[in-house]
Amino acid sequence: MHQLHAIRLSLVLNQTLRLVVGVHTKHTGVRIHALYTELGKPSVESLKAGRQARLWAKGSSMRTWISFLCRWIPALRKGT
């Protein structure tokens, strides 16, 4: 997931969760992590991290061009 899309999605989701609970969308007295835990929903960041971990674990055995990216190890070029 693109980082800009994830930030926008989490912002809208956080505001929606605050409205569901019954507080103002800009109210910071309620912790977002507590709302996610109370409602039993995973955060956007945890979904993104899970998908990245699954890609790195499964990506090298896929039969698509993604497998080449997952097997490629970047070389550090400090001296050039």
PDB file of N, CA and C in Angstrom:
ATOM      1  N   MET A   1       0.846  -1.164   0.000  1.00  0.00           N
ATOM      2  CA  MET A   1       0.000   0.000   0.000  1.00  0.00           C
ATOM      3  C   MET A   1       0.899   1.236   0.000  1.00  0.00           C
ATOM      4  N   HIS A   2       0.587   2.183  -0.831  1.00  0.00           N
ATOM      5  CA  HIS A   2       1.363   3.400  -0.911  1.00  0.00           C
ATOM      6  C   HIS A   2       1.232   4.161   0.405  1.00  0.00           C
ATOM      7  N   GLN A   3       2.334   4.754   0.863  1.00  0.00           N
ATOM      8  CA  GLN A   3       2.347   5.386   2.178  1.00  0.00           C
ATOM      9  C   GLN A   3       1.369   6.553   2.263  1.00  0.00           C
ATOM     10  N   LEU A   4       1.248   7.349   1.205  1.00  0.00           N
ATOM     11  CA  LEU A   4       0.325   8.479   1.226  1.00  0.00           C
ATOM     12  C   LEU A   4      -1.120   7.993   1.322  1.00  0.00           C
ATOM     13  N   HIS A   5      -1.441   6.920   0.601  1.00  0.00           N
ATOM     14  CA  HIS A   5      -2.789   6.365   0.680  1.00  0.00           C
ATOM     15  C   HIS A   5      -3.057   5.800   2.075  1.00  0.00           C
ATOM     16  N   ALA A   6      -2.050   5.170   2.668  1.00  0.00           N
ATOM     17  CA  ALA A   6      -2.218   4.598   4.004  1.00  0.00           C
ATOM     18  C   ALA A   6      -2.438   5.690   5.040  1.00  0.00           C
ATOM     19  N   ILE A   7      -1.738   6.808   4.896  1.00  0.00           N
ATOM     20  CA  ILE A   7      -1.910   7.912   5.841  1.00  0.00           C
ATOM     21  C   ILE A   7      -3.309   8.496   5.735  1.00  0.00           C
ATOM     22  N   ARG A   8      -3.771   8.708   4.507  1.00  0.00           N
ATOM     23  CA  ARG A   8      -5.122   9.255   4.319  1.00  0.00           C
ATOM     24  C   ARG A   8      -6.183   8.283   4.814  1.00  0.00           C
ATOM     25  N   LEU A   9      -5.984   7.002   4.527  1.00  0.00           N
ATOM     26  CA  LEU A   9      -6.947   6.001   4.958  1.00  0.00           C
ATOM     27  C   LEU A   9      -7.004   5.906   6.476  1.00  0.00           C
ATOM     28  N   SER A  10      -5.859   5.938   7.124  1.00  0.00           N
ATOM     29  CA  SER A  10      -5.862   5.857   8.584  1.00  0.00           C
ATOM     30  C   SER A  10      -6.470   7.105   9.206  1.00  0.00           C
ATOM     31  N   LEU A  11      -6.271   8.267   8.586  1.00  0.00           N
ATOM     32  CA  LEU A  11      -6.875   9.499   9.101  1.00  0.00           C
ATOM     33  C   LEU A  11      -8.398   9.415   9.052  1.00  0.00           C
ATOM     34  N   VAL A  12      -8.934   8.989   7.929  1.00  0.00           N
ATOM     35  CA  VAL A  12     -10.391   8.867   7.795  1.00  0.00           C
ATOM     36  C   VAL A  12     -10.928   7.789   8.729  1.00  0.00           C
ATOM     37  N   LEU A  13     -10.222   6.678   8.838  1.00  0.00           N
ATOM     38  CA  LEU A  13     -10.661   5.604   9.714  1.00  0.00           C
ATOM     39  C   LEU A  13     -10.635   6.026  11.179  1.00  0.00           C
ATOM     40  N   ASN A  14      -9.610   6.768  11.577  1.00  0.00           N
ATOM     41  CA  ASN A  14      -9.532   7.256  12.957  1.00  0.00           C
ATOM     42  C   ASN A  14     -10.679   8.207  13.270  1.00  0.00           C
ATOM     43  N   GLN A  15     -10.991   9.108  12.332  1.00  0.00           N
ATOM     44  CA  GLN A  15     -12.107  10.028  12.553  1.00  0.00           C
ATOM     45  C   GLN A  15     -13.432   9.281  12.620  1.00  0.00           C
ATOM     46  N   THR A  16     -13.587   8.262  11.788  1.00  0.00           N
ATOM     47  CA  THR A  16     -14.814   7.468  11.792  1.00  0.00           C
ATOM     48  C   THR A  16     -14.965   6.700  13.099  1.00  0.00           C
ATOM     49  N   LEU A  17     -13.869   6.138  13.597  1.00  0.00           N
ATOM     50  CA  LEU A  17     -13.930   5.420  14.870  1.00  0.00           C
ATOM     51  C   LEU A  17     -14.315   6.353  16.007  1.00  0.00           C
ATOM     52  N   ARG A  18     -13.795   7.561  15.985  1.00  0.00           N
ATOM     53  CA  ARG A  18     -14.169   8.523  17.024  1.00  0.00           C
ATOM     54  C   ARG A  18     -15.651   8.866  16.947  1.00  0.00           C
ATOM     55  N   LEU A  19     -16.189   9.004  15.726  1.00  0.00           N
ATOM     56  CA  LEU A  19     -17.616   9.292  15.575  1.00  0.00           C
ATOM     57  C   LEU A  19     -18.472   8.112  16.051  1.00  0.00           C
ATOM     58  N   VAL A  20     -18.023   6.889  15.786  1.00  0.00           N
ATOM     59  CA  VAL A  20     -18.770   5.712  16.217  1.00  0.00           C
ATOM     60  C   VAL A  20     -18.855   5.651  17.733  1.00  0.00           C
ATOM     61  N   VAL A  21     -17.751   5.994  18.386  1.00  0.00           N
ATOM     62  CA  VAL A  21     -17.723   5.960  19.843  1.00  0.00           C
ATOM     63  C   VAL A  21     -18.535   7.113  20.432  1.00  0.00           C
ATOM     64  N   GLY A  22     -18.613   8.232  19.720  1.00  0.00           N
ATOM     65  CA  GLY A  22     -19.433   9.344  20.192  1.00  0.00           C
ATOM     66  C   GLY A  22     -18.653  10.561  20.639  1.00  0.00           C
ATOM     67  N   VAL A  23     -17.413  10.678  20.200  1.00  0.00           N
ATOM     68  CA  VAL A  23     -16.631  11.869  20.523  1.00  0.00           C
ATOM     69  C   VAL A  23     -16.372  12.644  19.237  1.00  0.00           C
ATOM     70  N   HIS A  24     -15.947  13.899  19.392  1.00  0.00           N
ATOM     71  CA  HIS A  24     -15.659  14.736  18.230  1.00  0.00           C
ATOM     72  C   HIS A  24     -14.451  14.171  17.474  1.00  0.00           C
ATOM     73  N   THR A  25     -14.418  14.388  16.159  1.00  0.00           N
ATOM     74  CA  THR A  25     -13.352  13.808  15.337  1.00  0.00           C
ATOM     75  C   THR A  25     -11.978  14.375  15.669  1.00  0.00           C
ATOM     76  N   LYS A  26     -11.923  15.585  16.175  1.00  0.00           N
ATOM     77  CA  LYS A  26     -10.635  16.201  16.523  1.00  0.00           C
ATOM     78  C   LYS A  26     -10.258  16.009  17.992  1.00  0.00           C
ATOM     79  N   HIS A  27     -11.107  15.332  18.754  1.00  0.00           N
ATOM     80  CA  HIS A  27     -10.856  15.125  20.180  1.00  0.00           C
ATOM     81  C   HIS A  27      -9.712  14.141  20.367  1.00  0.00           C
ATOM     82  N   THR A  28      -8.700  14.544  21.116  1.00  0.00           N
ATOM     83  CA  THR A  28      -7.519  13.700  21.312  1.00  0.00           C
ATOM     84  C   THR A  28      -7.481  13.064  22.691  1.00  0.00           C
ATOM     85  N   GLY A  29      -8.524  13.216  23.475  1.00  0.00           N
ATOM     86  CA  GLY A  29      -8.561  12.617  24.805  1.00  0.00           C
ATOM     87  C   GLY A  29      -8.702  11.109  24.764  1.00  0.00           C
ATOM     88  N   VAL A  30      -9.239  10.595  23.676  1.00  0.00           N
ATOM     89  CA  VAL A  30      -9.403   9.147  23.516  1.00  0.00           C
ATOM     90  C   VAL A  30      -8.287   8.638  22.631  1.00  0.00           C
ATOM     91  N   ARG A  31      -7.534   7.667  23.126  1.00  0.00           N
ATOM     92  CA  ARG A  31      -6.431   7.098  22.354  1.00  0.00           C
ATOM     93  C   ARG A  31      -6.967   6.223  21.234  1.00  0.00           C
ATOM     94  N   ILE A  32      -6.397   6.386  20.053  1.00  0.00           N
ATOM     95  CA  ILE A  32      -6.831   5.613  18.898  1.00  0.00           C
ATOM     96  C   ILE A  32      -6.537   4.128  19.097  1.00  0.00           C
ATOM     97  N   HIS A  33      -5.389   3.823  19.682  1.00  0.00           N
ATOM     98  CA  HIS A  33      -5.045   2.412  19.912  1.00  0.00           C
ATOM     99  C   HIS A  33      -6.068   1.749  20.830  1.00  0.00           C
ATOM    100  N   ALA A  34      -6.548   2.496  21.815  1.00  0.00           N
ATOM    101  CA  ALA A  34      -7.568   1.951  22.715  1.00  0.00           C
ATOM    102  C   ALA A  34      -8.871   1.689  21.974  1.00  0.00           C
ATOM    103  N   LEU A  35      -9.216   2.565  21.027  1.00  0.00           N
ATOM    104  CA  LEU A  35     -10.438   2.354  20.237  1.00  0.00           C
ATOM    105  C   LEU A  35     -10.317   1.110  19.367  1.00  0.00           C
ATOM    106  N   TYR A  36      -9.182   0.935  18.704  1.00  0.00           N
ATOM    107  CA  TYR A  36      -8.966  -0.256  17.885  1.00  0.00           C
ATOM    108  C   TYR A  36      -9.050  -1.522  18.736  1.00  0.00           C
ATOM    109  N   THR A  37      -8.451  -1.492  19.912  1.00  0.00           N
ATOM    110  CA  THR A  37      -8.460  -2.653  20.796  1.00  0.00           C
ATOM    111  C   THR A  37      -9.866  -2.935  21.303  1.00  0.00           C
ATOM    112  N   GLU A  38     -10.573  -1.877  21.688  1.00  0.00           N
ATOM    113  CA  GLU A  38     -11.925  -2.043  22.216  1.00  0.00           C
ATOM    114  C   GLU A  38     -12.884  -2.601  21.168  1.00  0.00           C
ATOM    115  N   LEU A  39     -12.760  -2.143  19.943  1.00  0.00           N
ATOM    116  CA  LEU A  39     -13.650  -2.598  18.879  1.00  0.00           C
ATOM    117  C   LEU A  39     -13.161  -3.863  18.184  1.00  0.00           C
ATOM    118  N   GLY A  40     -11.935  -4.290  18.487  1.00  0.00           N
ATOM    119  CA  GLY A  40     -11.400  -5.516  17.902  1.00  0.00           C
ATOM    120  C   GLY A  40     -11.035  -5.391  16.438  1.00  0.00           C
ATOM    121  N   LYS A  41     -10.641  -4.207  16.016  1.00  0.00           N
ATOM    122  CA  LYS A  41     -10.277  -3.966  14.618  1.00  0.00           C
ATOM    123  C   LYS A  41      -8.782  -3.725  14.512  1.00  0.00           C
ATOM    124  N   PRO A  42      -8.132  -4.265  13.491  1.00  0.00           N
ATOM    125  CA  PRO A  42      -6.704  -3.973  13.305  1.00  0.00           C
ATOM    126  C   PRO A  42      -6.502  -2.591  12.703  1.00  0.00           C
ATOM    127  N   SER A  43      -5.414  -1.947  13.045  1.00  0.00           N
ATOM    128  CA  SER A  43      -5.124  -0.623  12.493  1.00  0.00           C
ATOM    129  C   SER A  43      -4.600  -0.745  11.067  1.00  0.00           C
ATOM    130  N   VAL A  44      -4.608   0.356  10.350  1.00  0.00           N
ATOM    131  CA  VAL A  44      -4.130   0.364   8.969  1.00  0.00           C
ATOM    132  C   VAL A  44      -2.649   0.023   8.926  1.00  0.00           C
ATOM    133  N   GLU A  45      -1.894   0.512   9.910  1.00  0.00           N
ATOM    134  CA  GLU A  45      -0.463   0.248   9.960  1.00  0.00           C
ATOM    135  C   GLU A  45      -0.180  -1.244  10.158  1.00  0.00           C
ATOM    136  N   SER A  46      -0.967  -1.901  11.016  1.00  0.00           N
ATOM    137  CA  SER A  46      -0.734  -3.331  11.231  1.00  0.00           C
ATOM    138  C   SER A  46      -1.138  -4.152  10.004  1.00  0.00           C
ATOM    139  N   LEU A  47      -2.188  -3.728   9.303  1.00  0.00           N
ATOM    140  CA  LEU A  47      -2.558  -4.416   8.064  1.00  0.00           C
ATOM    141  C   LEU A  47      -1.460  -4.278   7.018  1.00  0.00           C
ATOM    142  N   LYS A  48      -0.892  -3.079   6.927  1.00  0.00           N
ATOM    143  CA  LYS A  48       0.184  -2.833   5.961  1.00  0.00           C
ATOM    144  C   LYS A  48       1.416  -3.671   6.300  1.00  0.00           C
ATOM    145  N   ALA A  49       1.770  -3.715   7.577  1.00  0.00           N
ATOM    146  CA  ALA A  49       2.935  -4.497   7.997  1.00  0.00           C
ATOM    147  C   ALA A  49       2.727  -5.993   7.745  1.00  0.00           C
ATOM    148  N   GLY A  50       1.515  -6.469   7.977  1.00  0.00           N
ATOM    149  CA  GLY A  50       1.215  -7.873   7.723  1.00  0.00           C
ATOM    150  C   GLY A  50       1.309  -8.232   6.255  1.00  0.00           C
ATOM    151  N   ARG A  51       0.827  -7.337   5.396  1.00  0.00           N
ATOM    152  CA  ARG A  51       0.900  -7.596   3.963  1.00  0.00           C
ATOM    153  C   ARG A  51       2.334  -7.552   3.457  1.00  0.00           C
ATOM    154  N   GLN A  52       3.146  -6.655   4.006  1.00  0.00           N
ATOM    155  CA  GLN A  52       4.555  -6.612   3.613  1.00  0.00           C
ATOM    156  C   GLN A  52       5.286  -7.869   4.052  1.00  0.00           C
ATOM    157  N   ALA A  53       5.012  -8.336   5.265  1.00  0.00           N
ATOM    158  CA  ALA A  53       5.666  -9.550   5.757  1.00  0.00           C
ATOM    159  C   ALA A  53       5.257 -10.762   4.921  1.00  0.00           C
ATOM    160  N   ARG A  54       3.992 -10.820   4.528  1.00  0.00           N
ATOM    161  CA  ARG A  54       3.523 -11.927   3.698  1.00  0.00           C
ATOM    162  C   ARG A  54       4.179 -11.889   2.323  1.00  0.00           C
ATOM    163  N   LEU A  55       4.349 -10.690   1.784  1.00  0.00           N
ATOM    164  CA  LEU A  55       4.999 -10.569   0.483  1.00  0.00           C
ATOM    165  C   LEU A  55       6.443 -11.045   0.542  1.00  0.00           C
ATOM    166  N   TRP A  56       7.192 -10.641   1.572  1.00  0.00           N
ATOM    167  CA  TRP A  56       8.584 -11.064   1.672  1.00  0.00           C
ATOM    168  C   TRP A  56       8.701 -12.554   1.933  1.00  0.00           C
ATOM    169  N   ALA A  57       7.727 -13.133   2.652  1.00  0.00           N
ATOM    170  CA  ALA A  57       7.789 -14.568   2.930  1.00  0.00           C
ATOM    171  C   ALA A  57       7.398 -15.392   1.715  1.00  0.00           C
ATOM    172  N   LYS A  58       6.411 -14.943   0.971  1.00  0.00           N
ATOM    173  CA  LYS A  58       5.875 -15.729  -0.124  1.00  0.00           C
ATOM    174  C   LYS A  58       6.370 -15.257  -1.493  1.00  0.00           C
ATOM    175  N   GLY A  59       6.863 -14.045  -1.569  1.00  0.00           N
ATOM    176  CA  GLY A  59       7.171 -13.429  -2.852  1.00  0.00           C
ATOM    177  C   GLY A  59       8.231 -14.116  -3.673  1.00  0.00           C
ATOM    178  N   SER A  60       9.249 -14.675  -3.047  1.00  0.00           N
ATOM    179  CA  SER A  60      10.339 -15.274  -3.816  1.00  0.00           C
ATOM    180  C   SER A  60       9.928 -16.569  -4.513  1.00  0.00           C
ATOM    181  N   SER A  61       8.862 -17.212  -4.048  1.00  0.00           N
ATOM    182  CA  SER A  61       8.424 -18.457  -4.682  1.00  0.00           C
ATOM    183  C   SER A  61       7.298 -18.246  -5.696  1.00  0.00           C
ATOM    184  N   MET A  62       6.889 -17.008  -5.906  1.00  0.00           N
ATOM    185  CA  MET A  62       5.816 -16.745  -6.866  1.00  0.00           C
ATOM    186  C   MET A  62       6.332 -16.837  -8.299  1.00  0.00           C
ATOM    187  N   ARG A  63       5.450 -17.030  -9.242  1.00  0.00           N
ATOM    188  CA  ARG A  63       5.830 -17.166 -10.646  1.00  0.00           C
ATOM    189  C   ARG A  63       5.601 -15.866 -11.416  1.00  0.00           C
ATOM    190  N   THR A  64       5.759 -14.764 -10.772  1.00  0.00           N
ATOM    191  CA  THR A  64       5.560 -13.470 -11.425  1.00  0.00           C
ATOM    192  C   THR A  64       6.846 -12.652 -11.300  1.00  0.00           C
ATOM    193  N   TRP A  65       6.797 -11.431 -11.795  1.00  0.00           N
ATOM    194  CA  TRP A  65       7.966 -10.561 -11.740  1.00  0.00           C
ATOM    195  C   TRP A  65       8.292 -10.124 -10.318  1.00  0.00           C
ATOM    196  N   ILE A  66       7.351 -10.302  -9.399  1.00  0.00           N
ATOM    197  CA  ILE A  66       7.586  -9.953  -7.995  1.00  0.00           C
ATOM    198  C   ILE A  66       8.692 -10.825  -7.407  1.00  0.00           C
ATOM    199  N   SER A  67       8.808 -12.051  -7.882  1.00  0.00           N
ATOM    200  CA  SER A  67       9.822 -12.954  -7.335  1.00  0.00           C
ATOM    201  C   SER A  67      11.231 -12.418  -7.579  1.00  0.00           C
ATOM    202  N   PHE A  68      11.439 -11.770  -8.728  1.00  0.00           N
ATOM    203  CA  PHE A  68      12.760 -11.180  -8.996  1.00  0.00           C
ATOM    204  C   PHE A  68      13.066 -10.047  -8.019  1.00  0.00           C
ATOM    205  N   LEU A  69      12.051  -9.266  -7.690  1.00  0.00           N
ATOM    206  CA  LEU A  69      12.258  -8.169  -6.724  1.00  0.00           C
ATOM    207  C   LEU A  69      12.532  -8.693  -5.325  1.00  0.00           C
ATOM    208  N   CYS A  70      11.858  -9.754  -4.945  1.00  0.00           N
ATOM    209  CA  CYS A  70      12.047 -10.293  -3.599  1.00  0.00           C
ATOM    210  C   CYS A  70      13.392 -10.995  -3.444  1.00  0.00           C
ATOM    211  N   ARG A  71      13.937 -11.529  -4.539  1.00  0.00           N
ATOM    212  CA  ARG A  71      15.237 -12.202  -4.474  1.00  0.00           C
ATOM    213  C   ARG A  71      16.405 -11.237  -4.644  1.00  0.00           C
ATOM    214  N   TRP A  72      16.155 -10.045  -5.144  1.00  0.00           N
ATOM    215  CA  TRP A  72      17.211  -9.072  -5.402  1.00  0.00           C
ATOM    216  C   TRP A  72      17.658  -8.438  -4.096  1.00  0.00           C
ATOM    217  N   ILE A  73      18.933  -8.501  -3.840  1.00  0.00           N
ATOM    218  CA  ILE A  73      19.513  -7.909  -2.639  1.00  0.00           C
ATOM    219  C   ILE A  73      20.316  -6.684  -3.083  1.00  0.00           C
ATOM    220  N   PRO A  74      19.943  -5.499  -2.653  1.00  0.00           N
ATOM    221  CA  PRO A  74      20.658  -4.308  -3.083  1.00  0.00           C
ATOM    222  C   PRO A  74      22.091  -4.286  -2.548  1.00  0.00           C
ATOM    223  N   ALA A  75      22.999  -3.811  -3.368  1.00  0.00           N
ATOM    224  CA  ALA A  75      24.407  -3.701  -2.978  1.00  0.00           C
ATOM    225  C   ALA A  75      24.672  -2.285  -2.519  1.00  0.00           C
ATOM    226  N   LEU A  76      25.400  -2.155  -1.433  1.00  0.00           N
ATOM    227  CA  LEU A  76      25.753  -0.837  -0.938  1.00  0.00           C
ATOM    228  C   LEU A  76      27.013  -0.369  -1.638  1.00  0.00           C
ATOM    229  N   ARG A  77      26.995   0.828  -2.124  1.00  0.00           N
ATOM    230  CA  ARG A  77      28.147   1.355  -2.847  1.00  0.00           C
ATOM    231  C   ARG A  77      28.678   2.579  -2.103  1.00  0.00           C
ATOM    232  N   LYS A  78      29.424   2.323  -1.067  1.00  0.00           N
ATOM    233  CA  LYS A  78      29.949   3.430  -0.286  1.00  0.00           C
ATOM    234  C   LYS A  78      31.108   4.133  -1.001  1.00  0.00           C
ATOM    235  N   GLY A  79      31.909   3.384  -1.719  1.00  0.00           N
ATOM    236  CA  GLY A  79      33.109   3.952  -2.315  1.00  0.00           C
ATOM    237  C   GLY A  79      32.923   4.593  -3.669  1.00  0.00           C
ATOM    238  N   THR A  80      31.711   4.567  -4.221  1.00  0.00           N
ATOM    239  CA  THR A  80      31.523   5.115  -5.569  1.00  0.00           C
ATOM    240  C   THR A  80      30.823   6.440  -5.546  1.00  0.00           C
TER     241      THR A  80
END
